[in-house]
Amino acid sequence: MHTNGNDWSPHEYVDAVARSVHGETVRWPQGPSMDAVIVLPVHARNHPGKNAVLLWNHDFGWSWGVEEADVRRTISIVDTLGIGRTPDPLRCADRVIELISARAVCSRMCSEE
């Protein structure tokens, strides 16, 4: 996979994105809809008790969503990041910061007000 001058495998690419967004966990689901899930160190505003996650599909790019705290870890996509299929990992981090600034997600300790 060629990404902004880097020749990475999909795992290397997703791991680089996870590091750039300070992801807590990376999972590799065995399904057709997403290739990787990165659990963010923030939660989704208006979705109490749900983790905010980044989802990557090699055909469509990055989205963000929320993950249920249930055993199945059900994920609901909220929106795409709108930054392409394989943007530079730092661009992903910038977009997550924009989401935080827009108050779509907040740190685990922020107020829901």
C-alpha atoms as a PDB file:
ATOM      1  CA  MET A   1       0.000   0.000   0.000  1.00  0.00           C
ATOM      2  CA  HIS A   2       1.425   3.343  -1.011  1.00  0.00           C
ATOM      3  CA  THR A   3       0.441   6.245   1.225  1.00  0.00           C
ATOM      4  CA  ASN A   4       1.922   9.715   0.913  1.00  0.00           C
ATOM      5  CA  GLY A   5       5.390   8.467   0.049  1.00  0.00           C
ATOM      6  CA  ASN A   6       5.281   5.484   2.404  1.00  0.00           C
ATOM      7  CA  ASP A   7       5.105   1.875   1.285  1.00  0.00           C
ATOM      8  CA  TRP A   8       3.232   0.227   4.156  1.00  0.00           C
ATOM      9  CA  SER A   9       1.292  -2.952   4.629  1.00  0.00           C
ATOM     10  CA  PRO A  10      -2.314  -2.413   5.753  1.00  0.00           C
ATOM     11  CA  HIS A  11      -1.329  -3.389   9.325  1.00  0.00           C
ATOM     12  CA  GLU A  12       1.597  -0.955   9.359  1.00  0.00           C
ATOM     13  CA  TYR A  13      -0.626   1.815   8.019  1.00  0.00           C
ATOM     14  CA  VAL A  14      -3.415   1.282  10.561  1.00  0.00           C
ATOM     15  CA  ASP A  15      -0.868   0.980  13.382  1.00  0.00           C
ATOM     16  CA  ALA A  16       0.654   4.325  12.298  1.00  0.00           C
ATOM     17  CA  VAL A  17      -2.806   5.936  12.334  1.00  0.00           C
ATOM     18  CA  ALA A  18      -3.504   4.408  15.769  1.00  0.00           C
ATOM     19  CA  ARG A  19      -0.289   5.912  17.128  1.00  0.00           C
ATOM     20  CA  SER A  20      -1.109   9.317  15.601  1.00  0.00           C
ATOM     21  CA  VAL A  21      -4.539   9.430  17.291  1.00  0.00           C
ATOM     22  CA  HIS A  22      -3.320   7.838  20.546  1.00  0.00           C
ATOM     23  CA  GLY A  23      -5.606   4.885  19.958  1.00  0.00           C
ATOM     24  CA  GLU A  24      -6.150   2.596  22.902  1.00  0.00           C
ATOM     25  CA  THR A  25      -6.749  -0.611  20.929  1.00  0.00           C
ATOM     26  CA  VAL A  26      -6.627  -1.804  17.330  1.00  0.00           C
ATOM     27  CA  ARG A  27      -8.864  -4.683  16.284  1.00  0.00           C
ATOM     28  CA  TRP A  28      -9.054  -6.510  12.957  1.00  0.00           C
ATOM     29  CA  PRO A  29     -12.670  -7.680  12.521  1.00  0.00           C
ATOM     30  CA  GLN A  30     -13.391 -10.629  10.269  1.00  0.00           C
ATOM     31  CA  GLY A  31     -16.101  -8.968   8.227  1.00  0.00           C
ATOM     32  CA  PRO A  32     -16.537  -7.301   4.840  1.00  0.00           C
ATOM     33  CA  SER A  33     -17.593  -3.873   6.081  1.00  0.00           C
ATOM     34  CA  MET A  34     -14.461  -2.829   7.965  1.00  0.00           C
ATOM     35  CA  ASP A  35     -10.831  -3.823   7.935  1.00  0.00           C
ATOM     36  CA  ALA A  36      -9.771  -2.226  11.230  1.00  0.00           C
ATOM     37  CA  VAL A  37     -11.246  -0.567  14.314  1.00  0.00           C
ATOM     38  CA  ILE A  38      -9.252   1.853  16.461  1.00  0.00           C
ATOM     39  CA  VAL A  39     -10.720   2.617  19.885  1.00  0.00           C
ATOM     40  CA  LEU A  40     -10.081   6.288  20.628  1.00  0.00           C
ATOM     41  CA  PRO A  41      -9.204   7.738  24.040  1.00  0.00           C
ATOM     42  CA  VAL A  42     -12.435   9.788  23.865  1.00  0.00           C
ATOM     43  CA  HIS A  43     -16.132   9.015  23.969  1.00  0.00           C
ATOM     44  CA  ALA A  44     -18.880  10.135  21.661  1.00  0.00           C
ATOM     45  CA  ARG A  45     -20.948  13.072  22.814  1.00  0.00           C
ATOM     46  CA  ASN A  46     -24.678  12.296  22.930  1.00  0.00           C
ATOM     47  CA  HIS A  47     -23.887   8.576  23.175  1.00  0.00           C
ATOM     48  CA  PRO A  48     -23.335   8.009  26.921  1.00  0.00           C
ATOM     49  CA  GLY A  49     -21.149   5.080  27.827  1.00  0.00           C
ATOM     50  CA  LYS A  50     -20.067   4.425  24.253  1.00  0.00           C
ATOM     51  CA  ASN A  51     -16.502   4.533  23.011  1.00  0.00           C
ATOM     52  CA  ALA A  52     -15.636   6.650  20.006  1.00  0.00           C
ATOM     53  CA  VAL A  53     -13.899   4.589  17.327  1.00  0.00           C
ATOM     54  CA  LEU A  54     -12.240   5.070  13.964  1.00  0.00           C
ATOM     55  CA  LEU A  55     -13.137   2.502  11.336  1.00  0.00           C
ATOM     56  CA  TRP A  56     -11.101   1.785   8.227  1.00  0.00           C
ATOM     57  CA  ASN A  57     -12.258   0.092   5.049  1.00  0.00           C
ATOM     58  CA  HIS A  58      -9.557  -0.170   2.381  1.00  0.00           C
ATOM     59  CA  ASP A  59     -12.081   0.632  -0.367  1.00  0.00           C
ATOM     60  CA  PHE A  60     -13.836   3.592   1.272  1.00  0.00           C
ATOM     61  CA  GLY A  61     -11.417   5.059   3.798  1.00  0.00           C
ATOM     62  CA  TRP A  62     -11.994   6.266   7.348  1.00  0.00           C
ATOM     63  CA  SER A  63     -15.195   6.804   9.315  1.00  0.00           C
ATOM     64  CA  TRP A  64     -15.867   7.438  12.940  1.00  0.00           C
ATOM     65  CA  GLY A  65     -18.514   5.836  15.046  1.00  0.00           C
ATOM     66  CA  VAL A  66     -19.531   4.555  18.429  1.00  0.00           C
ATOM     67  CA  GLU A  67     -19.055   1.163  19.975  1.00  0.00           C
ATOM     68  CA  GLU A  68     -21.522  -0.417  22.348  1.00  0.00           C
ATOM     69  CA  ALA A  69     -20.190  -1.756  25.606  1.00  0.00           C
ATOM     70  CA  ASP A  70     -21.929  -5.075  24.945  1.00  0.00           C
ATOM     71  CA  VAL A  71     -20.206  -8.412  24.461  1.00  0.00           C
ATOM     72  CA  ARG A  72     -20.561  -8.224  20.667  1.00  0.00           C
ATOM     73  CA  ARG A  73     -19.002  -4.732  20.492  1.00  0.00           C
ATOM     74  CA  THR A  74     -21.685  -3.525  18.102  1.00  0.00           C
ATOM     75  CA  ILE A  75     -20.507  -0.498  16.117  1.00  0.00           C
ATOM     76  CA  SER A  76     -22.637   2.258  14.603  1.00  0.00           C
ATOM     77  CA  ILE A  77     -21.031   4.548  12.020  1.00  0.00           C
ATOM     78  CA  VAL A  78     -21.718   8.231  12.706  1.00  0.00           C
ATOM     79  CA  ASP A  79     -19.960   9.856   9.725  1.00  0.00           C
ATOM     80  CA  THR A  80     -17.031   9.561   7.353  1.00  0.00           C
ATOM     81  CA  LEU A  81     -13.895  11.539   8.049  1.00  0.00           C
ATOM     82  CA  GLY A  82     -14.006  12.792   4.457  1.00  0.00           C
ATOM     83  CA  ILE A  83     -10.228  12.673   3.996  1.00  0.00           C
ATOM     84  CA  GLY A  84      -9.788   9.888   1.450  1.00  0.00           C
ATOM     85  CA  ARG A  85      -8.991   6.184   1.473  1.00  0.00           C
ATOM     86  CA  THR A  86      -5.446   6.236   2.862  1.00  0.00           C
ATOM     87  CA  PRO A  87      -4.520   9.710   4.055  1.00  0.00           C
ATOM     88  CA  ASP A  88      -1.358  10.377   5.972  1.00  0.00           C
ATOM     89  CA  PRO A  89      -1.712   9.250   9.615  1.00  0.00           C
ATOM     90  CA  LEU A  90      -1.170  12.810  10.832  1.00  0.00           C
ATOM     91  CA  ARG A  91      -4.103  13.963   8.679  1.00  0.00           C
ATOM     92  CA  CYS A  92      -6.252  11.427  10.528  1.00  0.00           C
ATOM     93  CA  ALA A  93      -5.052  12.880  13.825  1.00  0.00           C
ATOM     94  CA  ASP A  94      -5.872  16.406  12.610  1.00  0.00           C
ATOM     95  CA  ARG A  95      -9.398  15.284  11.684  1.00  0.00           C
ATOM     96  CA  VAL A  96      -9.939  13.708  15.116  1.00  0.00           C
ATOM     97  CA  ILE A  97      -8.829  16.993  16.703  1.00  0.00           C
ATOM     98  CA  GLU A  98     -11.381  18.775  14.487  1.00  0.00           C
ATOM     99  CA  LEU A  99     -14.093  16.408  15.770  1.00  0.00           C
ATOM    100  CA  ILE A 100     -13.089  17.190  19.348  1.00  0.00           C
ATOM    101  CA  SER A 101     -13.115  20.924  18.564  1.00  0.00           C
ATOM    102  CA  ALA A 102     -16.568  20.564  17.018  1.00  0.00           C
ATOM    103  CA  ARG A 103     -17.639  18.841  20.252  1.00  0.00           C
ATOM    104  CA  ALA A 104     -18.644  15.653  18.427  1.00  0.00           C
ATOM    105  CA  VAL A 105     -16.392  13.690  20.758  1.00  0.00           C
ATOM    106  CA  CYS A 106     -14.876  14.591  24.097  1.00  0.00           C
ATOM    107  CA  SER A 107     -12.323  13.228  26.498  1.00  0.00           C
ATOM    108  CA  ARG A 108     -13.492  10.522  28.861  1.00  0.00           C
ATOM    109  CA  MET A 109     -13.499  13.074  31.672  1.00  0.00           C
ATOM    110  CA  CYS A 110     -15.352  15.926  29.974  1.00  0.00           C
ATOM    111  CA  SER A 111     -18.776  17.094  30.942  1.00  0.00           C
ATOM    112  CA  GLU A 112     -21.747  16.169  28.760  1.00  0.00           C
ATOM    113  CA  GLU A 113     -23.161  19.685  29.100  1.00  0.00           C
END
